[in-house]
Protein backbone atom coordinates (compact mmCIF):
# COMPACT_ATOMS: atom_id res chain seq x y z
CA MET A 1 40.57 -4.15 -19.96
CA ILE A 2 37.50 -1.95 -20.26
CA THR A 3 35.23 -1.57 -17.25
CA ILE A 4 31.64 -0.68 -18.02
CA ARG A 5 29.77 1.06 -15.27
CA ILE A 6 26.00 1.15 -15.52
CA ARG A 7 24.08 3.51 -13.32
CA ALA A 8 21.51 1.96 -11.01
CA ALA A 9 18.57 3.43 -12.92
CA ALA A 10 19.90 2.14 -16.23
CA ALA A 11 20.59 -1.27 -14.70
CA ALA A 12 17.04 -1.48 -13.38
CA THR A 13 15.65 -0.50 -16.76
CA LEU A 14 17.84 -3.08 -18.48
CA PHE A 15 16.64 -5.74 -16.05
CA LEU A 16 13.00 -4.98 -16.85
CA VAL A 17 13.68 -5.04 -20.59
CA LEU A 18 15.49 -8.38 -20.33
CA LEU A 19 12.75 -9.80 -18.12
CA SER A 20 10.20 -8.72 -20.70
CA LEU A 21 12.15 -10.31 -23.56
CA VAL A 22 12.92 -13.57 -21.79
CA SER A 23 9.47 -14.07 -20.27
CA GLY A 24 7.39 -12.76 -23.14
CA LEU A 25 5.70 -10.28 -20.80
CA THR A 26 4.89 -6.73 -21.75
CA ALA A 27 6.98 -3.99 -20.12
CA GLN A 28 4.16 -3.21 -17.72
CA GLU A 29 3.73 -6.88 -16.83
CA ALA A 30 7.48 -7.16 -16.28
CA ALA A 31 7.36 -4.21 -13.89
CA LEU A 32 4.49 -5.85 -12.03
CA ALA A 33 6.62 -8.96 -11.66
CA VAL A 34 9.24 -7.11 -9.58
CA GLY A 35 8.50 -8.04 -5.97
CA PRO A 36 9.47 -6.55 -2.61
CA ILE A 37 13.12 -5.94 -1.77
CA ASP A 38 12.65 -8.53 0.98
CA GLN A 39 12.76 -11.89 -0.78
CA LYS A 40 11.21 -13.46 2.32
CA ALA A 41 8.31 -11.00 2.45
CA THR A 42 5.05 -12.52 3.66
CA ARG A 43 2.40 -13.45 1.12
CA GLN A 44 0.19 -10.59 2.30
CA THR A 45 3.03 -8.06 1.99
CA THR A 46 3.94 -9.29 -1.47
CA ALA A 47 0.30 -9.16 -2.52
CA LEU A 48 -0.07 -5.61 -1.21
CA LEU A 49 2.82 -4.37 -3.34
CA ALA A 50 1.57 -6.21 -6.42
CA ASN A 51 -1.96 -4.89 -6.00
CA LEU A 52 -0.77 -1.31 -5.51
CA LYS A 53 1.06 -1.66 -8.82
CA GLN A 54 -2.09 -2.96 -10.50
CA ILE A 55 -4.33 -0.26 -9.03
CA ALA A 56 -2.04 2.70 -9.72
CA PRO A 57 -2.47 3.00 -13.49
CA GLY A 58 -6.17 3.80 -13.15
CA GLN A 59 -6.94 4.74 -9.55
CA THR A 60 -5.38 6.39 -6.51
CA LEU A 61 -5.97 5.52 -2.86
CA PHE A 62 -6.89 8.46 -0.63
CA GLY A 63 -5.14 8.48 2.73
CA GLN A 64 -4.86 10.58 5.87
CA GLN A 65 -2.53 10.74 8.87
CA ASP A 66 -4.04 9.90 12.29
CA ALA A 67 -7.52 9.75 10.76
CA LEU A 68 -9.02 7.41 13.36
CA ALA A 69 -7.47 8.92 16.47
CA TYR A 70 -9.16 12.31 16.48
CA GLY A 71 -10.67 15.03 14.36
CA VAL A 72 -11.79 18.62 14.68
CA ASN A 73 -13.66 18.97 17.98
CA TRP A 74 -13.69 15.26 18.82
CA ARG A 75 -11.42 12.56 20.17
CA ASP A 76 -12.64 9.00 20.50
CA TYR A 77 -10.30 6.10 21.15
CA TYR A 78 -13.00 3.44 20.92
CA ALA A 79 -14.94 4.07 17.73
CA TRP A 80 -14.31 3.68 14.01
CA ARG A 81 -14.62 7.32 13.12
CA SER A 82 -12.89 9.98 11.07
CA ASP A 83 -13.71 13.45 9.79
CA VAL A 84 -13.39 12.03 6.30
CA LYS A 85 -16.09 9.46 7.04
CA ASP A 86 -18.30 12.03 8.77
CA VAL A 87 -18.24 14.15 5.60
CA SER A 88 -18.23 11.56 2.80
CA GLY A 89 -19.65 8.44 4.39
CA MET A 90 -16.44 6.59 3.53
CA SER A 91 -13.12 6.02 5.29
CA PRO A 92 -9.64 6.70 3.97
CA ALA A 93 -8.12 3.73 2.15
CA LEU A 94 -4.69 4.39 3.63
CA PHE A 95 -3.93 5.37 7.24
CA GLY A 96 -0.76 7.09 8.38
CA TRP A 97 0.81 6.70 11.84
CA ASP A 98 4.01 7.87 13.53
CA ILE A 99 6.20 6.04 16.05
CA SER A 100 8.06 9.03 17.49
CA LYS A 101 8.47 8.69 21.29
CA LEU A 102 8.16 4.90 21.16
CA GLY A 103 9.83 3.56 24.31
CA GLN A 104 9.96 6.98 25.93
CA ARG A 105 6.32 7.37 26.89
CA ASP A 106 2.92 5.78 26.30
CA ILE A 107 1.81 8.26 23.62
CA ASN A 108 3.40 9.31 20.36
CA ILE A 109 4.35 12.77 19.14
CA ASP A 110 0.68 13.44 18.30
CA THR A 111 -0.56 12.17 21.71
CA ILE A 112 -1.89 8.87 20.35
CA PRO A 113 -1.49 5.95 22.78
CA PHE A 114 0.75 3.31 21.22
CA VAL A 115 -1.47 0.53 22.58
CA ARG A 116 -4.50 2.00 20.83
CA MET A 117 -2.49 2.69 17.68
CA LYS A 118 -1.70 -1.00 17.36
CA GLU A 119 -5.37 -1.88 17.80
CA TRP A 120 -6.34 0.55 15.05
CA MET A 121 -3.64 -0.73 12.72
CA LYS A 122 -4.88 -4.28 13.13
CA GLU A 123 -8.45 -3.14 12.50
CA VAL A 124 -7.37 -1.26 9.38
CA TYR A 125 -5.82 -4.49 8.09
CA GLN A 126 -8.89 -6.51 9.04
CA ARG A 127 -11.11 -4.09 7.11
CA GLY A 128 -8.80 -4.28 4.08
CA GLY A 129 -7.10 -0.89 4.42
CA VAL A 130 -3.42 0.02 4.22
CA ASN A 131 -1.13 1.19 7.05
CA THR A 132 1.91 3.41 6.59
CA VAL A 133 4.30 4.44 9.37
CA SER A 134 6.60 7.46 9.54
CA TRP A 135 9.18 8.20 12.23
CA HIS A 136 9.90 11.68 13.56
CA ALA A 137 12.86 10.32 15.51
CA ASP A 138 14.35 12.42 18.29
CA ASN A 139 17.91 13.74 18.05
CA PHE A 140 20.21 11.01 19.42
CA VAL A 141 22.93 13.52 20.33
CA THR A 142 20.98 16.23 22.15
CA GLY A 143 17.76 14.46 23.09
CA GLY A 144 15.80 17.13 21.23
CA SER A 145 13.13 16.60 18.61
CA SER A 146 13.49 15.74 14.93
CA TRP A 147 13.70 19.47 14.25
CA ASP A 148 16.78 19.83 16.48
CA THR A 149 19.54 19.71 13.87
CA GLU A 150 22.54 20.02 16.20
CA GLY A 151 25.23 17.38 16.40
CA ARG A 152 25.67 15.81 12.93
CA VAL A 153 23.44 13.02 14.21
CA VAL A 154 23.54 10.63 11.26
CA ALA A 155 27.29 10.10 11.52
CA THR A 156 26.99 9.32 15.23
CA ILE A 157 24.39 6.56 14.83
CA LEU A 158 26.07 4.68 12.01
CA PRO A 159 28.05 1.54 12.93
CA GLY A 160 31.08 2.65 14.93
CA GLY A 161 29.41 5.93 15.92
CA LYS A 162 29.05 7.11 19.52
CA TYR A 163 25.28 6.64 19.57
CA HIS A 164 24.98 3.60 17.32
CA ALA A 165 23.90 1.37 20.21
CA ASP A 166 21.15 3.85 21.08
CA TYR A 167 19.91 3.75 17.51
CA VAL A 168 19.89 -0.05 17.50
CA ALA A 169 17.90 0.00 20.73
CA LYS A 170 15.27 2.18 19.03
CA LEU A 171 15.08 -0.22 16.10
CA ASP A 172 14.61 -3.06 18.59
CA LEU A 173 11.64 -1.20 20.10
CA PHE A 174 10.17 -0.72 16.64
CA ALA A 175 10.67 -4.40 15.87
CA ASP A 176 8.78 -5.32 19.05
CA PHE A 177 6.01 -2.91 18.05
CA VAL A 178 5.74 -4.52 14.60
CA ARG A 179 5.68 -8.04 16.06
CA ASP A 180 2.67 -7.06 18.15
CA LEU A 181 0.80 -6.32 14.93
CA ARG A 182 -0.43 -9.84 14.39
CA HIS A 183 -4.00 -10.52 13.43
CA GLY A 184 -6.05 -13.67 13.71
CA PHE A 185 -6.63 -16.46 16.21
CA LEU A 186 -5.60 -19.87 14.92
CA PHE A 187 -3.69 -18.66 11.86
CA ARG A 188 -2.15 -15.37 12.94
CA LYS A 189 -0.74 -13.14 10.22
CA ASP A 190 1.67 -10.23 10.37
CA VAL A 191 0.05 -6.94 9.36
CA PRO A 192 1.88 -5.48 6.33
CA ILE A 193 3.26 -1.98 6.92
CA ILE A 194 4.68 0.62 4.55
CA PHE A 195 7.59 2.03 6.57
CA ARG A 196 8.69 5.54 5.63
CA PRO A 197 11.74 6.59 7.67
CA PHE A 198 13.94 9.69 7.26
CA HIS A 199 11.44 11.50 5.06
CA GLU A 200 11.79 14.98 3.57
CA HIS A 201 15.57 14.67 3.69
CA SER A 202 15.92 17.02 0.70
CA GLY A 203 15.08 19.83 3.14
CA ASN A 204 17.09 21.03 6.12
CA TRP A 205 14.49 21.00 8.91
CA PHE A 206 15.20 17.47 10.23
CA TRP A 207 18.52 16.23 11.63
CA TRP A 208 18.76 13.75 8.74
CA GLY A 209 18.29 16.56 6.18
CA LYS A 210 20.72 17.30 3.37
CA ALA A 211 22.60 20.03 5.25
CA HIS A 212 23.32 17.73 8.20
CA CYS A 213 24.74 14.60 6.56
CA THR A 214 26.44 13.60 3.34
CA PRO A 215 24.66 11.56 0.64
CA GLU A 216 26.92 8.64 1.58
CA GLU A 217 25.97 8.89 5.26
CA TYR A 218 22.27 9.06 4.46
CA LYS A 219 22.48 6.00 2.21
CA ALA A 220 24.52 4.12 4.81
CA LEU A 221 21.89 4.85 7.47
CA TRP A 222 19.13 3.62 5.18
CA HIS A 223 21.09 0.47 4.27
CA PHE A 224 21.81 -0.37 7.89
CA THR A 225 18.18 0.21 8.89
CA VAL A 226 16.74 -2.04 6.20
CA LYS A 227 19.28 -4.81 6.72
CA TYR A 228 18.89 -4.73 10.49
CA LEU A 229 15.09 -4.89 10.45
CA ARG A 230 14.91 -7.40 7.60
CA ASP A 231 17.91 -9.64 8.22
CA GLU A 232 18.61 -9.34 11.95
CA LYS A 233 15.13 -8.81 13.36
CA LYS A 234 13.47 -10.99 10.69
CA LEU A 235 10.65 -8.54 9.96
CA HIS A 236 9.20 -9.66 6.64
CA ASN A 237 6.02 -7.59 6.62
CA LEU A 238 7.61 -4.21 5.79
CA LEU A 239 7.67 -2.30 2.52
CA TYR A 240 10.14 0.60 2.47
CA ALA A 241 9.16 4.04 1.15
CA TYR A 242 11.67 6.69 0.09
CA SER A 243 10.14 10.18 0.24
CA PRO A 244 12.13 13.38 -0.18
CA ASP A 245 10.38 16.72 -0.05
CA ILE A 246 10.00 18.61 -3.34
CA VAL A 247 13.05 18.63 -5.59
CA GLU A 248 13.74 20.43 -8.84
CA SER A 249 15.23 17.61 -10.88
CA ARG A 250 15.57 13.88 -11.27
CA GLU A 251 19.23 14.18 -10.28
CA GLU A 252 18.32 15.89 -7.02
CA TYR A 253 15.68 13.25 -6.32
CA LEU A 254 18.17 10.42 -6.77
CA GLU A 255 21.13 12.10 -5.06
CA ARG A 256 20.51 10.23 -1.81
CA TYR A 257 18.51 7.35 -3.21
CA PRO A 258 19.62 4.21 -1.31
CA GLY A 259 19.38 1.92 -4.34
CA ASP A 260 16.84 -0.40 -5.91
CA ASP A 261 17.66 -3.19 -3.44
CA TYR A 262 16.57 -1.02 -0.50
CA VAL A 263 13.42 0.75 -1.68
CA ASP A 264 9.91 -0.47 -2.58
CA ILE A 265 8.08 2.85 -2.89
CA ILE A 266 9.19 5.92 -4.86
CA GLY A 267 7.46 8.71 -2.97
CA ILE A 268 7.48 12.47 -2.61
CA ASP A 269 6.14 14.87 0.04
CA ASN A 270 4.70 18.04 -1.46
CA TYR A 271 2.84 20.76 0.40
CA GLN A 272 4.43 23.73 -1.33
CA ASP A 273 2.76 23.38 -4.71
CA PHE A 274 -0.70 23.14 -3.10
CA ARG A 275 -0.37 26.25 -0.94
CA ALA A 276 -1.48 29.76 -1.85
CA GLY A 277 0.93 30.93 -4.51
CA GLY A 278 1.91 27.38 -5.45
CA LYS A 279 1.47 26.01 -8.94
CA ILE A 280 -0.52 22.84 -9.49
CA ASP A 281 1.28 22.32 -12.79
CA ASP A 282 4.52 22.08 -10.81
CA ALA A 283 2.96 19.41 -8.62
CA ILE A 284 1.97 17.49 -11.73
CA GLN A 285 5.49 17.68 -13.13
CA ARG A 286 6.93 16.33 -9.88
CA LEU A 287 4.44 13.47 -9.92
CA ARG A 288 5.36 12.71 -13.52
CA MET A 289 8.99 12.53 -12.45
CA ILE A 290 8.47 10.00 -9.67
CA VAL A 291 6.14 7.86 -11.79
CA GLU A 292 8.75 7.72 -14.54
CA ILE A 293 11.45 6.77 -12.03
CA ALA A 294 9.20 4.13 -10.50
CA ASP A 295 8.41 2.70 -13.93
CA GLU A 296 12.10 2.36 -14.72
CA LYS A 297 12.77 0.55 -11.48
CA GLY A 298 9.67 -1.60 -11.24
CA LYS A 299 8.57 0.26 -8.09
CA VAL A 300 5.37 1.93 -6.86
CA ALA A 301 5.02 5.73 -6.97
CA ALA A 302 3.09 7.67 -4.32
CA LEU A 303 2.34 11.17 -3.07
CA THR A 304 3.36 10.25 0.46
CA GLU A 305 2.44 13.52 2.20
CA THR A 306 0.53 16.54 0.99
CA GLY A 307 -2.38 18.88 1.59
CA LEU A 308 -3.45 22.44 2.23
CA GLU A 309 -3.69 23.46 5.88
CA GLY A 310 -7.20 24.57 6.79
CA VAL A 311 -8.46 23.91 3.22
CA PRO A 312 -9.84 27.48 2.99
CA GLU A 313 -10.85 27.16 -0.68
CA ALA A 314 -14.39 25.85 -1.16
CA ASP A 315 -13.56 24.01 -4.41
CA TRP A 316 -9.95 23.00 -3.65
CA TRP A 317 -10.60 19.25 -3.78
CA THR A 318 -12.03 19.10 -7.28
CA LYS A 319 -10.41 22.13 -8.90
CA LYS A 320 -6.84 21.66 -7.63
CA PHE A 321 -6.22 18.36 -5.82
CA LEU A 322 -8.24 16.18 -8.18
CA TYR A 323 -6.79 18.02 -11.16
CA ALA A 324 -3.27 17.27 -9.92
CA LEU A 325 -4.09 13.59 -9.38
CA THR A 326 -5.99 12.84 -12.58
CA SER A 327 -5.37 15.34 -15.41
CA ASP A 328 -2.03 13.99 -16.63
CA PRO A 329 -1.86 10.39 -17.94
CA VAL A 330 1.57 9.81 -16.39
CA ALA A 331 1.28 11.76 -13.14
CA SER A 332 -2.05 10.07 -12.42
CA ARG A 333 -0.34 6.70 -12.06
CA ILE A 334 0.48 7.14 -8.39
CA ALA A 335 -0.78 4.49 -5.98
CA TRP A 336 -1.88 6.82 -3.21
CA ALA A 337 -2.03 10.40 -1.99
CA MET A 338 -2.03 11.04 1.76
CA VAL A 339 -3.04 14.33 3.38
CA TRP A 340 -1.89 15.28 6.86
CA ARG A 341 -3.86 15.10 10.07
CA ASN A 342 -6.97 16.84 11.40
CA SER A 343 -6.19 18.32 14.79
CA THR A 344 -8.03 21.61 15.29
CA ALA A 345 -10.19 24.07 13.40
CA THR A 346 -7.00 25.87 12.36
CA HIS A 347 -4.76 22.84 11.81
CA HIS A 348 -6.47 20.30 9.60
CA TYR A 349 -5.96 18.92 6.09
CA ALA A 350 -9.29 17.21 5.40
CA PRO A 351 -12.75 18.72 5.81
CA TYR A 352 -15.07 18.13 8.73
CA PRO A 353 -18.86 18.62 8.74
CA ASP A 354 -19.79 22.21 7.85
CA GLN A 355 -16.21 23.08 6.91
CA VAL A 356 -16.05 25.31 3.84
CA SER A 357 -14.74 22.56 1.52
CA ALA A 358 -16.93 19.73 2.84
CA ALA A 359 -19.43 19.76 -0.04
CA ASP A 360 -16.62 19.77 -2.59
CA PHE A 361 -14.93 16.87 -0.80
CA LYS A 362 -18.11 14.82 -1.21
CA LYS A 363 -17.85 15.42 -4.95
CA PHE A 364 -14.17 14.47 -4.83
CA SER A 365 -14.95 11.25 -2.96
CA ALA A 366 -17.48 10.21 -5.62
CA VAL A 367 -14.95 10.33 -8.47
CA PRO A 368 -14.19 6.74 -9.59
CA GLU A 369 -10.45 7.44 -9.96
CA ILE A 370 -10.15 8.08 -6.19
CA LEU A 371 -10.45 5.04 -3.94
CA PHE A 372 -11.67 4.94 -0.36
CA LEU A 373 -11.60 1.97 2.01
CA GLU A 374 -15.07 0.74 1.15
CA GLU A 375 -14.11 0.65 -2.55
CA LEU A 376 -10.79 -1.18 -2.29
CA PRO A 377 -10.29 -4.60 -3.84
CA LYS A 378 -8.78 -7.26 -1.60
CA VAL A 379 -5.24 -5.89 -1.55
CA TYR A 380 -3.80 -8.68 0.61
CA ARG A 381 -4.64 -11.37 -1.91
CA ARG A 382 -2.75 -11.72 -5.16
CA ASN A 383 -5.09 -10.67 -7.93
CA ARG A 384 -3.78 -11.79 -11.27
CA PRO A 385 -4.39 -9.32 -14.16
């Protein structure tokens, strides 16, 4: 008896080919037909994924972390404001948030009140924007931060591990947080969220990094997390984003990939290629890689975290960032690119008024291939091609 083993990537590709043949759809249309990993996903969540797939071939959403909470030299919890809007007149299309410290104190790792965060997330949804959530989870063994790598943490929070119950309790808190994100009066709807846990695991700086757990342990943690939130807590408004830091090969990218049944977004975090001494062509090659993987699997590709701290180059947005996002016909097919937060005059990733790159950012924001909130189609309604 001969046993044929087909790798996950090949199986996904075969599925798309068969779907195309049986249905009469083109390969691209077949990929668009692949829905969320949650078969009970809400209509709005399903529509968001489908619309990101439709947008990605021609345009890219611009996003920023913590954009509404504060900027350089201002902090306003009760206004729709961002440095991006102050400079360009438009808001980011995608807004990043972090749930670190949830249940431990009233503010997150970046001092944003969780109560206000939920209000902003609901307003983002109401205005037609997209929310994504990361989680710089504290070390369950030592009580230290995400950057405390002592204790082989992942093994201890898996089922049967010493701190598994503590991990489940954190997931319960997150589930309660997500359930509070309901919008509407008579017909309340769950706000769709792109959830991006255990990011940059290809590095060693977080306790879930590659030096601190095996590929099998990382996958097991991801599997448990998805199944618990989806199947036990009945959260059907989440899309799951997988986002290693930069890698040098497809094999390295997929080494800890949890599988097609557990991932909606094929992402990558990349600061290195955009820093002084980095090579934009390398960034483009990495984007090509994730787009090709996403195409094979019927997923969405995204540049999930990036940027240049301080943006000291006056023409960085159009000469480097825009070039990376638009110059290559394959690499350009990412759904979004999100830069990190604006905190101070020395720690910011988007311009603010009178910052050296502000004028160039205005040019960047006017390029039709880059989408801001005011330019987005209705992403929570299914738009048939």
